[in-house]
PDB file of N, CA and C in Angstrom:
ATOM      1  N   ASP A   1     -71.481 314.894  95.737  1.00  0.00           N
ATOM      2  CA  ASP A   1     -70.681 314.001  94.931  1.00  0.00           C
ATOM      3  C   ASP A   1     -69.220 314.451  94.880  1.00  0.00           C
ATOM      4  N   GLU A   2     -69.029 315.754  94.791  1.00  0.00           N
ATOM      5  CA  GLU A   2     -67.668 316.276  94.726  1.00  0.00           C
ATOM      6  C   GLU A   2     -66.919 316.001  96.029  1.00  0.00           C
ATOM      7  N   ALA A   3     -67.615 316.175  97.151  1.00  0.00           N
ATOM      8  CA  ALA A   3     -66.992 315.901  98.449  1.00  0.00           C
ATOM      9  C   ALA A   3     -66.664 314.421  98.580  1.00  0.00           C
ATOM     10  N   ASP A   4     -67.581 313.572  98.107  1.00  0.00           N
ATOM     11  CA  ASP A   4     -67.354 312.120  98.114  1.00  0.00           C
ATOM     12  C   ASP A   4     -66.068 311.766  97.378  1.00  0.00           C
ATOM     13  N   GLU A   5     -65.944 312.302  96.183  1.00  0.00           N
ATOM     14  CA  GLU A   5     -64.774 312.007  95.353  1.00  0.00           C
ATOM     15  C   GLU A   5     -63.489 312.523  95.998  1.00  0.00           C
ATOM     16  N   TYR A   6     -63.564 313.723  96.540  1.00  0.00           N
ATOM     17  CA  TYR A   6     -62.387 314.315  97.180  1.00  0.00           C
ATOM     18  C   TYR A   6     -61.936 313.464  98.367  1.00  0.00           C
ATOM     19  N   LEU A   7     -62.892 313.094  99.229  1.00  0.00           N
ATOM     20  CA  LEU A   7     -62.541 312.296 100.408  1.00  0.00           C
ATOM     21  C   LEU A   7     -62.059 310.900 100.026  1.00  0.00           C
ATOM     22  N   ALA A   8     -62.685 310.298  99.028  1.00  0.00           N
ATOM     23  CA  ALA A   8     -62.255 308.965  98.581  1.00  0.00           C
ATOM     24  C   ALA A   8     -60.830 309.021  98.037  1.00  0.00           C
ATOM     25  N   SER A   9     -60.521 310.077  97.291  1.00  0.00           N
ATOM     26  CA  SER A   9     -59.154 310.241  96.770  1.00  0.00           C
ATOM     27  C   SER A   9     -58.160 310.467  97.899  1.00  0.00           C
ATOM     28  N   ALA A  10     -58.553 311.289  98.863  1.00  0.00           N
ATOM     29  CA  ALA A  10     -57.683 311.550 100.012  1.00  0.00           C
ATOM     30  C   ALA A  10     -57.434 310.264 100.790  1.00  0.00           C
ATOM     31  N   LEU A  11     -58.475 309.467 100.967  1.00  0.00           N
ATOM     32  CA  LEU A  11     -58.338 308.203 101.686  1.00  0.00           C
ATOM     33  C   LEU A  11     -57.366 307.274 100.966  1.00  0.00           C
ATOM     34  N   GLU A  12     -57.524 307.144  99.663  1.00  0.00           N
ATOM     35  CA  GLU A  12     -56.615 306.287  98.886  1.00  0.00           C
ATOM     36  C   GLU A  12     -55.171 306.751  99.011  1.00  0.00           C
ATOM     37  N   ALA A  13     -54.965 308.061  98.906  1.00  0.00           N
ATOM     38  CA  ALA A  13     -53.606 308.605  98.993  1.00  0.00           C
ATOM     39  C   ALA A  13     -53.000 308.351 100.369  1.00  0.00           C
ATOM     40  N   LEU A  14     -53.777 308.593 101.414  1.00  0.00           N
ATOM     41  CA  LEU A  14     -53.271 308.377 102.774  1.00  0.00           C
ATOM     42  C   LEU A  14     -52.974 306.905 103.031  1.00  0.00           C
ATOM     43  N   GLN A  15     -53.855 306.032 102.566  1.00  0.00           N
ATOM     44  CA  GLN A  15     -53.632 304.601 102.758  1.00  0.00           C
ATOM     45  C   GLN A  15     -52.390 304.132 102.013  1.00  0.00           C
ATOM     46  N   SER A  16     -52.163 304.669 100.829  1.00  0.00           N
ATOM     47  CA  SER A  16     -50.968 304.243 100.089  1.00  0.00           C
ATOM     48  C   SER A  16     -49.694 304.788 100.735  1.00  0.00           C
ATOM     49  N   LEU A  17     -49.773 305.960 101.357  1.00  0.00           N
ATOM     50  CA  LEU A  17     -48.597 306.537 102.019  1.00  0.00           C
ATOM     51  C   LEU A  17     -48.326 305.927 103.391  1.00  0.00           C
ATOM     52  N   PHE A  18     -49.381 305.766 104.190  1.00  0.00           N
ATOM     53  CA  PHE A  18     -49.207 305.396 105.599  1.00  0.00           C
ATOM     54  C   PHE A  18     -49.779 304.037 105.983  1.00  0.00           C
ATOM     55  N   GLY A  19     -50.506 303.395 105.091  1.00  0.00           N
ATOM     56  CA  GLY A  19     -51.181 302.157 105.453  1.00  0.00           C
ATOM     57  C   GLY A  19     -52.523 302.466 106.102  1.00  0.00           C
ATOM     58  N   ASP A  20     -53.168 301.430 106.614  1.00  0.00           N
ATOM     59  CA  ASP A  20     -54.503 301.614 107.191  1.00  0.00           C
ATOM     60  C   ASP A  20     -54.480 302.119 108.627  1.00  0.00           C
ATOM     61  N   ASP A  21     -53.473 301.771 109.397  1.00  0.00           N
ATOM     62  CA  ASP A  21     -53.430 302.152 110.812  1.00  0.00           C
ATOM     63  C   ASP A  21     -52.758 303.505 110.989  1.00  0.00           C
ATOM     64  N   ASN A  22     -53.515 304.542 110.707  1.00  0.00           N
ATOM     65  CA  ASN A  22     -52.996 305.900 110.770  1.00  0.00           C
ATOM     66  C   ASN A  22     -54.143 306.818 111.165  1.00  0.00           C
ATOM     67  N   MET A  23     -53.882 307.780 112.039  1.00  0.00           N
ATOM     68  CA  MET A  23     -54.934 308.672 112.511  1.00  0.00           C
ATOM     69  C   MET A  23     -55.525 309.520 111.387  1.00  0.00           C
ATOM     70  N   GLN A  24     -54.725 309.875 110.404  1.00  0.00           N
ATOM     71  CA  GLN A  24     -55.266 310.647 109.279  1.00  0.00           C
ATOM     72  C   GLN A  24     -56.259 309.809 108.480  1.00  0.00           C
ATOM     73  N   VAL A  25     -55.963 308.536 108.326  1.00  0.00           N
ATOM     74  CA  VAL A  25     -56.885 307.625 107.645  1.00  0.00           C
ATOM     75  C   VAL A  25     -58.177 307.516 108.459  1.00  0.00           C
ATOM     76  N   ALA A  26     -58.048 307.399 109.771  1.00  0.00           N
ATOM     77  CA  ALA A  26     -59.230 307.321 110.638  1.00  0.00           C
ATOM     78  C   ALA A  26     -60.076 308.583 110.517  1.00  0.00           C
ATOM     79  N   THR A  27     -59.423 309.734 110.463  1.00  0.00           N
ATOM     80  CA  THR A  27     -60.147 311.002 110.351  1.00  0.00           C
ATOM     81  C   THR A  27     -60.929 311.073 109.046  1.00  0.00           C
ATOM     82  N   VAL A  28     -60.307 310.675 107.947  1.00  0.00           N
ATOM     83  CA  VAL A  28     -61.004 310.696 106.659  1.00  0.00           C
ATOM     84  C   VAL A  28     -62.148 309.682 106.666  1.00  0.00           C
ATOM     85  N   GLN A  29     -61.933 308.521 107.273  1.00  0.00           N
ATOM     86  CA  GLN A  29     -63.013 307.531 107.387  1.00  0.00           C
ATOM     87  C   GLN A  29     -64.198 308.135 108.142  1.00  0.00           C
ATOM     88  N   GLU A  30     -63.899 308.859 109.216  1.00  0.00           N
ATOM     89  CA  GLU A  30     -64.971 309.494 109.993  1.00  0.00           C
ATOM     90  C   GLU A  30     -65.689 310.549 109.150  1.00  0.00           C
ATOM     91  N   TYR A  31     -64.937 311.349 108.396  1.00  0.00           N
ATOM     92  CA  TYR A  31     -65.556 312.344 107.514  1.00  0.00           C
ATOM     93  C   TYR A  31     -66.455 311.676 106.476  1.00  0.00           C
ATOM     94  N   LEU A  32     -65.996 310.549 105.937  1.00  0.00           N
ATOM     95  CA  LEU A  32     -66.824 309.810 104.984  1.00  0.00           C
ATOM     96  C   LEU A  32     -68.117 309.327 105.648  1.00  0.00           C
ATOM     97  N   GLY A  33     -68.015 308.902 106.901  1.00  0.00           N
ATOM     98  CA  GLY A  33     -69.206 308.502 107.645  1.00  0.00           C
ATOM     99  C   GLY A  33     -70.155 309.669 107.856  1.00  0.00           C
ATOM    100  N   ASP A  34     -69.602 310.824 108.217  1.00  0.00           N
ATOM    101  CA  ASP A  34     -70.435 312.017 108.412  1.00  0.00           C
ATOM    102  C   ASP A  34     -71.151 312.397 107.117  1.00  0.00           C
ATOM    103  N   LEU A  35     -70.430 312.337 106.016  1.00  0.00           N
ATOM    104  CA  LEU A  35     -71.017 312.662 104.718  1.00  0.00           C
ATOM    105  C   LEU A  35     -72.119 311.663 104.356  1.00  0.00           C
ATOM    106  N   ALA A  36     -71.869 310.390 104.595  1.00  0.00           N
ATOM    107  CA  ALA A  36     -72.879 309.361 104.313  1.00  0.00           C
ATOM    108  C   ALA A  36     -74.126 309.578 105.165  1.00  0.00           C
ATOM    109  N   MET A  37     -73.943 309.998 106.414  1.00  0.00           N
ATOM    110  CA  MET A  37     -75.097 310.288 107.280  1.00  0.00           C
ATOM    111  C   MET A  37     -75.921 311.430 106.697  1.00  0.00           C
ATOM    112  N   LYS A  38     -75.246 312.480 106.232  1.00  0.00           N
ATOM    113  CA  LYS A  38     -75.967 313.617 105.646  1.00  0.00           C
ATOM    114  C   LYS A  38     -76.736 313.199 104.400  1.00  0.00           C
ATOM    115  N   GLN A  39     -76.231 312.191 103.713  1.00  0.00           N
ATOM    116  CA  GLN A  39     -76.900 311.674 102.516  1.00  0.00           C
ATOM    117  C   GLN A  39     -77.895 310.571 102.871  1.00  0.00           C
ATOM    118  N   ASN A  40     -78.058 310.299 104.158  1.00  0.00           N
ATOM    119  CA  ASN A  40     -78.957 309.267 104.676  1.00  0.00           C
ATOM    120  C   ASN A  40     -78.593 307.866 104.174  1.00  0.00           C
ATOM    121  N   ASN A  41     -77.305 307.652 103.941  1.00  0.00           N
ATOM    122  CA  ASN A  41     -76.800 306.339 103.544  1.00  0.00           C
ATOM    123  C   ASN A  41     -76.265 305.676 104.818  1.00  0.00           C
ATOM    124  N   LEU A  42     -77.177 305.084 105.583  1.00  0.00           N
ATOM    125  CA  LEU A  42     -76.839 304.567 106.909  1.00  0.00           C
ATOM    126  C   LEU A  42     -75.825 303.432 106.863  1.00  0.00           C
ATOM    127  N   GLN A  43     -75.932 302.553 105.890  1.00  0.00           N
ATOM    128  CA  GLN A  43     -75.009 301.415 105.821  1.00  0.00           C
ATOM    129  C   GLN A  43     -73.584 301.880 105.539  1.00  0.00           C
ATOM    130  N   GLU A  44     -73.444 302.827 104.614  1.00  0.00           N
ATOM    131  CA  GLU A  44     -72.110 303.349 104.298  1.00  0.00           C
ATOM    132  C   GLU A  44     -71.537 304.106 105.495  1.00  0.00           C
ATOM    133  N   ALA A  45     -72.384 304.859 106.184  1.00  0.00           N
ATOM    134  CA  ALA A  45     -71.932 305.579 107.379  1.00  0.00           C
ATOM    135  C   ALA A  45     -71.463 304.591 108.442  1.00  0.00           C
ATOM    136  N   GLU A  46     -72.234 303.542 108.657  1.00  0.00           N
ATOM    137  CA  GLU A  46     -71.870 302.510 109.641  1.00  0.00           C
ATOM    138  C   GLU A  46     -70.520 301.900 109.298  1.00  0.00           C
ATOM    139  N   ASN A  47     -70.308 301.569 108.030  1.00  0.00           N
ATOM    140  CA  ASN A  47     -69.040 300.969 107.613  1.00  0.00           C
ATOM    141  C   ASN A  47     -67.864 301.918 107.840  1.00  0.00           C
ATOM    142  N   SER A  48     -68.041 303.183 107.491  1.00  0.00           N
ATOM    143  CA  SER A  48     -66.961 304.159 107.657  1.00  0.00           C
ATOM    144  C   SER A  48     -66.639 304.380 109.133  1.00  0.00           C
ATOM    145  N   TYR A  49     -67.668 304.542 109.953  1.00  0.00           N
ATOM    146  CA  TYR A  49     -67.446 304.739 111.390  1.00  0.00           C
ATOM    147  C   TYR A  49     -66.786 303.511 112.017  1.00  0.00           C
ATOM    148  N   LYS A  50     -67.189 302.333 111.573  1.00  0.00           N
ATOM    149  CA  LYS A  50     -66.604 301.100 112.111  1.00  0.00           C
ATOM    150  C   LYS A  50     -65.112 301.030 111.799  1.00  0.00           C
ATOM    151  N   ARG A  51     -64.754 301.336 110.542  1.00  0.00           N
ATOM    152  CA  ARG A  51     -63.335 301.305 110.164  1.00  0.00           C
ATOM    153  C   ARG A  51     -62.537 302.341 110.959  1.00  0.00           C
ATOM    154  N   ALA A  52     -63.101 303.544 111.117  1.00  0.00           N
ATOM    155  CA  ALA A  52     -62.413 304.589 111.884  1.00  0.00           C
ATOM    156  C   ALA A  52     -62.252 304.167 113.343  1.00  0.00           C
ATOM    157  N   ALA A  53     -63.282 303.570 113.918  1.00  0.00           N
ATOM    158  CA  ALA A  53     -63.227 303.139 115.320  1.00  0.00           C
ATOM    159  C   ALA A  53     -62.157 302.068 115.531  1.00  0.00           C
ATOM    160  N   ILE A  54     -62.045 301.144 114.600  1.00  0.00           N
ATOM    161  CA  ILE A  54     -61.034 300.085 114.713  1.00  0.00           C
ATOM    162  C   ILE A  54     -59.634 300.689 114.714  1.00  0.00           C
ATOM    163  N   ILE A  55     -59.401 301.642 113.815  1.00  0.00           N
ATOM    164  CA  ILE A  55     -58.081 302.284 113.741  1.00  0.00           C
ATOM    165  C   ILE A  55     -57.785 303.041 115.032  1.00  0.00           C
ATOM    166  N   ILE A  56     -58.750 303.826 115.494  1.00  0.00           N
ATOM    167  CA  ILE A  56     -58.540 304.626 116.706  1.00  0.00           C
ATOM    168  C   ILE A  56     -58.337 303.728 117.919  1.00  0.00           C
ATOM    169  N   GLU A  57     -59.101 302.650 118.001  1.00  0.00           N
ATOM    170  CA  GLU A  57     -58.923 301.708 119.111  1.00  0.00           C
ATOM    171  C   GLU A  57     -57.513 301.119 119.095  1.00  0.00           C
ATOM    172  N   ASP A  58     -57.028 300.745 117.916  1.00  0.00           N
ATOM    173  CA  ASP A  58     -55.684 300.170 117.803  1.00  0.00           C
ATOM    174  C   ASP A  58     -54.594 301.155 118.209  1.00  0.00           C
ATOM    175  N   ILE A  59     -54.777 302.427 117.850  1.00  0.00           N
ATOM    176  CA  ILE A  59     -53.736 303.422 118.101  1.00  0.00           C
ATOM    177  C   ILE A  59     -53.862 304.067 119.484  1.00  0.00           C
ATOM    178  N   LEU A  60     -55.077 304.473 119.851  1.00  0.00           N
ATOM    179  CA  LEU A  60     -55.267 305.259 121.077  1.00  0.00           C
ATOM    180  C   LEU A  60     -55.964 304.516 122.214  1.00  0.00           C
ATOM    181  N   GLY A  61     -56.618 303.418 121.905  1.00  0.00           N
ATOM    182  CA  GLY A  61     -57.305 302.643 122.930  1.00  0.00           C
ATOM    183  C   GLY A  61     -58.781 302.990 123.043  1.00  0.00           C
ATOM    184  N   LYS A  62     -59.498 302.130 123.762  1.00  0.00           N
ATOM    185  CA  LYS A  62     -60.948 302.281 123.903  1.00  0.00           C
ATOM    186  C   LYS A  62     -61.356 303.459 124.782  1.00  0.00           C
ATOM    187  N   GLU A  63     -60.470 303.941 125.629  1.00  0.00           N
ATOM    188  CA  GLU A  63     -60.818 305.033 126.534  1.00  0.00           C
ATOM    189  C   GLU A  63     -60.739 306.394 125.855  1.00  0.00           C
ATOM    190  N   ASN A  64     -60.238 306.449 124.646  1.00  0.00           N
ATOM    191  CA  ASN A  64     -60.087 307.715 123.941  1.00  0.00           C
ATOM    192  C   ASN A  64     -61.455 308.302 123.589  1.00  0.00           C
ATOM    193  N   PRO A  65     -61.643 309.606 123.790  1.00  0.00           N
ATOM    194  CA  PRO A  65     -62.931 310.245 123.484  1.00  0.00           C
ATOM    195  C   PRO A  65     -63.368 310.099 122.020  1.00  0.00           C
ATOM    196  N   ARG A  66     -62.427 310.088 121.104  1.00  0.00           N
ATOM    197  CA  ARG A  66     -62.806 309.914 119.692  1.00  0.00           C
ATOM    198  C   ARG A  66     -63.390 308.528 119.457  1.00  0.00           C
ATOM    199  N   TYR A  67     -62.837 307.533 120.143  1.00  0.00           N
ATOM    200  CA  TYR A  67     -63.362 306.176 120.004  1.00  0.00           C
ATOM    201  C   TYR A  67     -64.794 306.112 120.542  1.00  0.00           C
ATOM    202  N   THR A  68     -65.013 306.687 121.726  1.00  0.00           N
ATOM    203  CA  THR A  68     -66.360 306.646 122.308  1.00  0.00           C
ATOM    204  C   THR A  68     -67.350 307.460 121.477  1.00  0.00           C
ATOM    205  N   GLU A  69     -66.898 308.553 120.860  1.00  0.00           N
ATOM    206  CA  GLU A  69     -67.776 309.340 119.982  1.00  0.00           C
ATOM    207  C   GLU A  69     -68.187 308.518 118.760  1.00  0.00           C
ATOM    208  N   LEU A  70     -67.267 307.760 118.209  1.00  0.00           N
ATOM    209  CA  LEU A  70     -67.601 306.908 117.064  1.00  0.00           C
ATOM    210  C   LEU A  70     -68.582 305.809 117.467  1.00  0.00           C
ATOM    211  N   LEU A  71     -68.418 305.264 118.661  1.00  0.00           N
ATOM    212  CA  LEU A  71     -69.385 304.273 119.144  1.00  0.00           C
ATOM    213  C   LEU A  71     -70.766 304.904 119.270  1.00  0.00           C
ATOM    214  N   SER A  72     -70.796 306.145 119.740  1.00  0.00           N
ATOM    215  CA  SER A  72     -72.057 306.869 119.874  1.00  0.00           C
ATOM    216  C   SER A  72     -72.708 307.085 118.508  1.00  0.00           C
ATOM    217  N   LYS A  73     -71.916 307.457 117.522  1.00  0.00           N
ATOM    218  CA  LYS A  73     -72.444 307.648 116.166  1.00  0.00           C
ATOM    219  C   LYS A  73     -72.996 306.335 115.615  1.00  0.00           C
ATOM    220  N   ARG A  74     -72.292 305.245 115.866  1.00  0.00           N
ATOM    221  CA  ARG A  74     -72.766 303.938 115.400  1.00  0.00           C
ATOM    222  C   ARG A  74     -74.059 303.553 116.104  1.00  0.00           C
ATOM    223  N   GLY A  75     -74.176 303.916 117.382  1.00  0.00           N
ATOM    224  CA  GLY A  75     -75.410 303.652 118.121  1.00  0.00           C
ATOM    225  C   GLY A  75     -76.592 304.414 117.539  1.00  0.00           C
ATOM    226  N   ARG A  76     -76.363 305.672 117.153  1.00  0.00           N
ATOM    227  CA  ARG A  76     -77.434 306.463 116.537  1.00  0.00           C
ATOM    228  C   ARG A  76     -77.887 305.822 115.223  1.00  0.00           C
ATOM    229  N   ILE A  77     -76.936 305.305 114.468  1.00  0.00           N
ATOM    230  CA  ILE A  77     -77.285 304.632 113.208  1.00  0.00           C
ATOM    231  C   ILE A  77     -78.128 303.395 113.498  1.00  0.00           C
ATOM    232  N   ALA A  78     -77.717 302.622 114.488  1.00  0.00           N
ATOM    233  CA  ALA A  78     -78.462 301.400 114.832  1.00  0.00           C
ATOM    234  C   ALA A  78     -79.895 301.739 115.237  1.00  0.00           C
ATOM    235  N   ARG A  79     -80.065 302.813 116.008  1.00  0.00           N
ATOM    236  CA  ARG A  79     -81.415 303.219 116.413  1.00  0.00           C
ATOM    237  C   ARG A  79     -82.232 303.673 115.206  1.00  0.00           C
ATOM    238  N   LYS A  80     -81.609 304.403 114.295  1.00  0.00           N
ATOM    239  CA  LYS A  80     -82.321 304.837 113.085  1.00  0.00           C
ATOM    240  C   LYS A  80     -82.730 303.636 112.243  1.00  0.00           C
ATOM    241  N   GLN A  81     -81.835 302.664 112.115  1.00  0.00           N
ATOM    242  CA  GLN A  81     -82.146 301.480 111.310  1.00  0.00           C
ATOM    243  C   GLN A  81     -83.259 300.669 111.959  1.00  0.00           C
ATOM    244  N   LYS A  82     -83.272 300.627 113.272  1.00  0.00           N
ATOM    245  CA  LYS A  82     -84.270 299.848 113.995  1.00  0.00           C
ATOM    246  C   LYS A  82     -85.657 300.471 113.870  1.00  0.00           C
ATOM    247  N   THR A  83     -85.729 301.803 113.886  1.00  0.00           N
ATOM    248  CA  THR A  83     -87.024 302.479 113.853  1.00  0.00           C
ATOM    249  C   THR A  83     -87.484 302.816 112.446  1.00  0.00           C
ATOM    250  N   LYS A  84     -86.640 302.551 111.469  1.00  0.00           N
ATOM    251  CA  LYS A  84     -86.980 302.883 110.089  1.00  0.00           C
ATOM    252  C   LYS A  84     -88.018 301.888 109.574  1.00  0.00           C
ATOM    253  N   ILE A  85     -89.189 302.394 109.197  1.00  0.00           N
ATOM    254  CA  ILE A  85     -90.253 301.552 108.639  1.00  0.00           C
ATOM    255  C   ILE A  85     -90.602 302.109 107.268  1.00  0.00           C
ATOM    256  N   GLU A  86     -90.613 301.260 106.304  1.00  0.00           N
ATOM    257  CA  GLU A  86     -90.951 301.680 104.948  1.00  0.00           C
ATOM    258  C   GLU A  86     -92.440 302.017 104.876  1.00  0.00           C
ATOM    259  N   PRO A  87     -92.826 302.988 104.022  1.00  0.00           N
ATOM    260  CA  PRO A  87     -94.235 303.348 103.878  1.00  0.00           C
ATOM    261  C   PRO A  87     -95.111 302.149 103.538  1.00  0.00           C
ATOM    262  N   LYS A  88     -94.588 301.226 102.735  1.00  0.00           N
ATOM    263  CA  LYS A  88     -95.343 300.031 102.378  1.00  0.00           C
ATOM    264  C   LYS A  88     -95.678 299.228 103.636  1.00  0.00           C
ATOM    265  N   SER A  89     -94.757 299.197 104.583  1.00  0.00           N
ATOM    266  CA  SER A  89     -94.984 298.462 105.820  1.00  0.00           C
ATOM    267  C   SER A  89     -96.130 299.071 106.612  1.00  0.00           C
ATOM    268  N   HIS A  90     -96.256 300.394 106.586  1.00  0.00           N
ATOM    269  CA  HIS A  90     -97.362 301.047 107.283  1.00  0.00           C
ATOM    270  C   HIS A  90     -98.695 300.559 106.734  1.00  0.00           C
ATOM    271  N   ALA A  91     -98.783 300.426 105.412  1.00  0.00           N
ATOM    272  CA  ALA A  91    -100.018 299.970 104.788  1.00  0.00           C
ATOM    273  C   ALA A  91    -100.337 298.541 105.212  1.00  0.00           C
ATOM    274  N   VAL A  92     -99.334 297.698 105.275  1.00  0.00           N
ATOM    275  CA  VAL A  92     -99.532 296.307 105.697  1.00  0.00           C
ATOM    276  C   VAL A  92     -99.998 296.259 107.144  1.00  0.00           C
ATOM    277  N   ILE A  93     -99.363 297.046 108.008  1.00  0.00           N
ATOM    278  CA  ILE A  93     -99.745 297.082 109.422  1.00  0.00           C
ATOM    279  C   ILE A  93    -101.176 297.577 109.571  1.00  0.00           C
ATOM    280  N   ALA A  94    -101.544 298.622 108.825  1.00  0.00           N
ATOM    281  CA  ALA A  94    -102.902 299.165 108.894  1.00  0.00           C
ATOM    282  C   ALA A  94    -103.916 298.127 108.441  1.00  0.00           C
ATOM    283  N   THR A  95    -103.613 297.398 107.365  1.00  0.00           N
ATOM    284  CA  THR A  95    -104.520 296.368 106.860  1.00  0.00           C
ATOM    285  C   THR A  95    -104.701 295.261 107.886  1.00  0.00           C
ATOM    286  N   ILE A  96    -103.623 294.819 108.482  1.00  0.00           N
ATOM    287  CA  ILE A  96    -103.698 293.772 109.509  1.00  0.00           C
ATOM    288  C   ILE A  96    -104.517 294.265 110.696  1.00  0.00           C
ATOM    289  N   SER A  97    -104.300 295.509 111.108  1.00  0.00           N
ATOM    290  CA  SER A  97    -105.029 296.072 112.244  1.00  0.00           C
ATOM    291  C   SER A  97    -106.519 296.155 111.952  1.00  0.00           C
ATOM    292  N   ILE A  98    -106.881 296.570 110.733  1.00  0.00           N
ATOM    293  CA  ILE A  98    -108.295 296.665 110.359  1.00  0.00           C
ATOM    294  C   ILE A  98    -108.918 295.277 110.333  1.00  0.00           C
ATOM    295  N   ASP A  99    -108.217 294.302 109.748  1.00  0.00           N
ATOM    296  CA  ASP A  99    -108.723 292.925 109.720  1.00  0.00           C
ATOM    297  C   ASP A  99    -108.921 292.390 111.130  1.00  0.00           C
ATOM    298  N   PHE A 100    -107.969 292.645 112.007  1.00  0.00           N
ATOM    299  CA  PHE A 100    -108.081 292.196 113.393  1.00  0.00           C
ATOM    300  C   PHE A 100    -109.282 292.846 114.067  1.00  0.00           C
ATOM    301  N   ALA A 101    -109.467 294.143 113.852  1.00  0.00           N
ATOM    302  CA  ALA A 101    -110.584 294.860 114.474  1.00  0.00           C
ATOM    303  C   ALA A 101    -111.919 294.289 114.001  1.00  0.00           C
ATOM    304  N   HIS A 102    -112.033 293.993 112.688  1.00  0.00           N
ATOM    305  CA  HIS A 102    -113.271 293.406 112.164  1.00  0.00           C
ATOM    306  C   HIS A 102    -113.530 292.039 112.788  1.00  0.00           C
ATOM    307  N   ASP A 103    -112.506 291.204 112.850  1.00  0.00           N
ATOM    308  CA  ASP A 103    -112.652 289.872 113.451  1.00  0.00           C
ATOM    309  C   ASP A 103    -113.019 289.979 114.923  1.00  0.00           C
ATOM    310  N   PHE A 104    -112.398 290.901 115.617  1.00  0.00           N
ATOM    311  CA  PHE A 104    -112.660 291.091 117.038  1.00  0.00           C
ATOM    312  C   PHE A 104    -114.111 291.515 117.256  1.00  0.00           C
ATOM    313  N   MET A 105    -114.567 292.479 116.459  1.00  0.00           N
ATOM    314  CA  MET A 105    -115.946 292.959 116.600  1.00  0.00           C
ATOM    315  C   MET A 105    -116.942 291.860 116.243  1.00  0.00           C
ATOM    316  N   ALA A 106    -116.631 291.056 115.230  1.00  0.00           N
ATOM    317  CA  ALA A 106    -117.510 289.945 114.860  1.00  0.00           C
ATOM    318  C   ALA A 106    -117.607 288.954 116.015  1.00  0.00           C
ATOM    319  N   GLY A 107    -116.504 288.701 116.689  1.00  0.00           N
ATOM    320  CA  GLY A 107    -116.504 287.810 117.850  1.00  0.00           C
ATOM    321  C   GLY A 107    -117.356 288.359 118.980  1.00  0.00           C
ATOM    322  N   ILE A 108    -117.284 289.653 119.203  1.00  0.00           N
ATOM    323  CA  ILE A 108    -118.107 290.283 120.249  1.00  0.00           C
ATOM    324  C   ILE A 108    -119.582 290.188 119.878  1.00  0.00           C
ATOM    325  N   ASP A 109    -119.905 290.454 118.605  1.00  0.00           N
ATOM    326  CA  ASP A 109    -121.302 290.356 118.155  1.00  0.00           C
ATOM    327  C   ASP A 109    -121.837 288.947 118.366  1.00  0.00           C
ATOM    328  N   GLN A 110    -121.039 287.917 118.065  1.00  0.00           N
ATOM    329  CA  GLN A 110    -121.467 286.531 118.257  1.00  0.00           C
ATOM    330  C   GLN A 110    -121.687 286.241 119.732  1.00  0.00           C
ATOM    331  N   ALA A 111    -120.819 286.748 120.581  1.00  0.00           N
ATOM    332  CA  ALA A 111    -120.956 286.522 122.022  1.00  0.00           C
ATOM    333  C   ALA A 111    -122.221 287.187 122.554  1.00  0.00           C
ATOM    334  N   ILE A 112    -122.550 288.351 122.046  1.00  0.00           N
ATOM    335  CA  ILE A 112    -123.754 289.064 122.496  1.00  0.00           C
ATOM    336  C   ILE A 112    -125.002 288.326 122.036  1.00  0.00           C
ATOM    337  N   ASP A 113    -124.971 287.771 120.824  1.00  0.00           N
ATOM    338  CA  ASP A 113    -126.128 287.065 120.270  1.00  0.00           C
ATOM    339  C   ASP A 113    -126.429 285.776 121.016  1.00  0.00           C
ATOM    340  N   ARG A 114    -125.483 285.224 121.723  1.00  0.00           N
ATOM    341  CA  ARG A 114    -125.680 283.934 122.410  1.00  0.00           C
ATOM    342  C   ARG A 114    -126.496 284.095 123.604  1.00  0.00           C
TER     343      ARG A 114
END
């Protein structure tokens, strides 16, 4: 929480001094994204990395290594979000699978009885 507050204050100060299109602002945005990742706040991390990437692209271009690193970080977030399944979902999937297995076996039993 203390790091969050410190970085948020630093971001506000930098934005008021230099505006949004500044490498220092991009760096703090990236740090905020890193912190959000450590806290497993994927949406906040995605937002911070996106803002940092936009600034870096505007200033340094798409070929810059920092820009490509931010794209890579955003890709990791997308993969985590895609594979993230809530425990409740596991129970639903298991129930559906068991129901399907029972129906399937009942169908086989009927076919054998014929």
